[in-house]
Amino acid sequence: MYENCRINHWFQKKDGRWHTTVIFPDGSKKTTSRARYNYEYFWDIELDSETQHVDHIDDNKLNDSVENLQILTPKENRDKYNKDILSPYTFNCPICGVEKTIKGSYYKFKVKKQKYFFCSITCASKGRKGRYAGLSDEYSPRCTFTVNLSNVEF
């Protein structure tokens, strides 16, 4: 598939994965991940990006060796990813002190955007109005959450 093609350059995206721009003999260009490029080049096939995802068997996104790569459907890839982040997280509300448990996936995506978690909309409203702007880090979910691993297989 990549016969007589040129590699423009390798670059690293914010998520740490390496990518390249492939220039085909007819002048067309394709940007692809190094994992996909290695798999397609080694097996001399073209994968359908809509139905075939290249997955890292050991979950190390920088290990792009062909032995570490497998093809998964988008659903299989999502399921593999989600099994690691669905463990529930427990925290104490900084306003009323109530203990609350949320889905791990919710915590994973929200924790980067906000410093505190609240048990209800009422507490969140109080906390975000500035009345509790002086909360110390002891109320941060990053400090008070616990992970329930009792139902996770290792």
Protein backbone atom coordinates (compact mmCIF):
# COMPACT_ATOMS: atom_id res chain seq x y z
CA MET A 1 0.00 0.00 0.00
CA TYR A 2 2.80 2.44 0.85
CA GLU A 3 5.01 1.45 -2.07
CA ASN A 4 6.74 4.49 -3.67
CA CYS A 5 5.33 6.79 -0.95
CA ARG A 6 7.21 9.43 0.97
CA ILE A 7 6.98 10.15 4.67
CA ASN A 8 6.76 13.90 5.15
CA HIS A 9 7.64 13.99 8.87
CA TRP A 10 6.80 12.39 12.21
CA PHE A 11 5.11 14.47 14.88
CA GLN A 12 3.70 13.83 18.32
CA LYS A 13 0.18 14.92 19.27
CA LYS A 14 -0.93 16.07 22.73
CA ASP A 15 -2.05 12.55 23.69
CA GLY A 16 1.55 11.34 23.15
CA ARG A 17 0.88 9.28 20.02
CA TRP A 18 3.14 9.64 17.01
CA HIS A 19 1.65 10.53 13.61
CA THR A 20 2.94 11.07 10.12
CA THR A 21 1.88 12.51 6.81
CA VAL A 22 2.26 10.04 3.94
CA ILE A 23 2.62 11.50 0.43
CA PHE A 24 1.47 9.12 -2.29
CA PRO A 25 2.96 9.04 -5.83
CA ASP A 26 -0.09 10.87 -7.24
CA GLY A 27 0.54 13.75 -4.80
CA SER A 28 -2.33 12.97 -2.43
CA LYS A 29 -1.62 13.07 1.31
CA LYS A 30 -2.84 11.07 4.29
CA THR A 31 -2.15 11.75 7.96
CA THR A 32 -2.10 8.59 10.03
CA SER A 33 -0.92 7.31 13.38
CA ARG A 34 2.39 5.47 13.55
CA ALA A 35 0.56 2.40 14.90
CA ARG A 36 -1.80 2.32 11.89
CA TYR A 37 1.05 3.04 9.49
CA ASN A 38 3.19 0.22 10.95
CA TYR A 39 0.32 -2.27 10.81
CA GLU A 40 -0.68 -1.36 7.24
CA TYR A 41 2.93 -1.29 6.05
CA PHE A 42 3.87 -4.62 7.66
CA TRP A 43 0.78 -6.50 6.44
CA ASP A 44 0.56 -4.53 3.14
CA ILE A 45 -3.14 -3.80 3.57
CA GLU A 46 -5.33 -0.72 3.86
CA LEU A 47 -7.58 -0.62 6.91
CA ASP A 48 -10.99 1.02 6.93
CA SER A 49 -10.75 3.72 9.58
CA GLU A 50 -14.53 3.61 10.15
CA THR A 51 -14.73 -0.11 10.98
CA GLN A 52 -11.18 -1.13 11.95
CA HIS A 53 -9.22 0.43 14.81
CA VAL A 54 -5.58 -0.38 15.53
CA ASP A 55 -5.29 -1.21 19.23
CA HIS A 56 -2.23 -1.55 21.46
CA ILE A 57 -2.39 -4.95 23.18
CA ASP A 58 -0.34 -3.80 26.19
CA ASP A 59 -2.17 -0.40 26.32
CA ASN A 60 1.14 1.45 25.88
CA LYS A 61 0.35 4.01 23.16
CA LEU A 62 4.06 4.52 22.48
CA ASN A 63 4.76 0.83 21.80
CA ASP A 64 3.97 0.72 18.08
CA SER A 65 5.72 -2.56 17.29
CA VAL A 66 3.66 -4.80 15.02
CA GLU A 67 3.62 -7.58 17.63
CA ASN A 68 1.82 -5.22 20.02
CA LEU A 69 -0.92 -4.19 17.58
CA GLN A 70 -4.29 -5.78 16.90
CA ILE A 71 -7.36 -4.82 14.90
CA LEU A 72 -10.59 -4.21 16.80
CA THR A 73 -14.01 -2.96 15.82
CA PRO A 74 -14.92 0.46 17.24
CA LYS A 75 -17.23 -1.22 19.79
CA GLU A 76 -14.54 -3.68 20.92
CA ASN A 77 -12.06 -0.80 21.26
CA ARG A 78 -14.55 1.26 23.31
CA ASP A 79 -15.35 -1.71 25.55
CA LYS A 80 -11.66 -2.38 26.16
CA TYR A 81 -11.06 1.25 27.05
CA ASN A 82 -14.18 1.62 29.22
CA LYS A 83 -13.54 -1.44 31.38
CA ASP A 84 -10.62 0.43 32.96
CA ILE A 85 -12.51 3.63 33.80
CA LEU A 86 -15.89 2.41 35.03
CA SER A 87 -14.87 1.83 38.65
CA PRO A 88 -16.97 4.12 40.85
CA TYR A 89 -15.41 7.05 42.71
CA THR A 90 -16.58 8.18 46.14
CA PHE A 91 -16.10 11.71 47.52
CA ASN A 92 -17.45 14.00 50.25
CA CYS A 93 -19.43 17.08 49.24
CA PRO A 94 -17.46 20.18 50.35
CA ILE A 95 -20.70 22.04 51.20
CA CYS A 96 -22.77 19.58 53.24
CA GLY A 97 -20.32 16.71 53.79
CA VAL A 98 -22.56 14.03 52.25
CA GLU A 99 -20.68 11.07 50.78
CA LYS A 100 -21.50 10.56 47.09
CA THR A 101 -20.46 7.93 44.54
CA ILE A 102 -20.26 8.68 40.83
CA LYS A 103 -19.34 6.66 37.75
CA GLY A 104 -15.65 6.44 37.03
CA SER A 105 -16.13 7.61 33.45
CA TYR A 106 -17.90 10.75 34.68
CA TYR A 107 -15.12 11.45 37.17
CA LYS A 108 -12.37 10.83 34.58
CA PHE A 109 -13.73 13.43 32.17
CA LYS A 110 -14.91 16.02 34.71
CA VAL A 111 -11.89 16.05 37.03
CA LYS A 112 -9.78 17.95 34.51
CA LYS A 113 -12.37 20.71 34.22
CA GLN A 114 -13.38 21.38 37.81
CA LYS A 115 -11.73 21.34 41.19
CA TYR A 116 -14.68 20.28 43.37
CA PHE A 117 -17.55 17.82 43.08
CA PHE A 118 -20.85 18.46 44.81
CA CYS A 119 -23.61 16.05 45.84
CA SER A 120 -26.46 18.07 44.31
CA ILE A 121 -27.31 21.05 42.15
CA THR A 122 -28.11 23.06 45.29
CA CYS A 123 -24.66 22.46 46.77
CA ALA A 124 -23.01 23.10 43.41
CA SER A 125 -24.87 26.40 43.14
CA LYS A 126 -23.68 27.46 46.60
CA GLY A 127 -20.13 26.37 45.87
CA ARG A 128 -19.87 28.14 42.53
CA LYS A 129 -21.38 31.44 43.65
CA GLY A 130 -18.19 32.29 45.47
CA ARG A 131 -19.60 31.85 48.96
CA TYR A 132 -17.27 28.91 49.36
CA ALA A 133 -14.44 30.16 47.18
CA GLY A 134 -12.03 29.82 50.10
CA LEU A 135 -12.42 26.05 50.36
CA SER A 136 -9.13 24.39 51.09
CA ASP A 137 -7.72 21.48 49.09
CA GLU A 138 -8.91 19.09 51.78
CA TYR A 139 -12.34 19.34 50.07
CA SER A 140 -10.97 18.56 46.64
CA PRO A 141 -12.18 15.21 45.23
CA ARG A 142 -8.61 14.57 44.23
CA CYS A 143 -7.80 14.36 47.93
CA THR A 144 -10.96 12.73 49.33
CA PHE A 145 -12.10 10.19 46.76
CA THR A 146 -11.73 6.48 47.27
CA VAL A 147 -11.79 3.84 44.57
CA ASN A 148 -13.99 0.79 44.99
CA LEU A 149 -12.03 -2.07 43.39
CA SER A 150 -14.02 -4.90 44.93
CA ASN A 151 -15.76 -5.74 41.65
CA VAL A 152 -12.78 -5.23 39.34
CA GLU A 153 -10.91 -8.25 38.05
CA PHE A 154 -7.10 -8.24 37.98
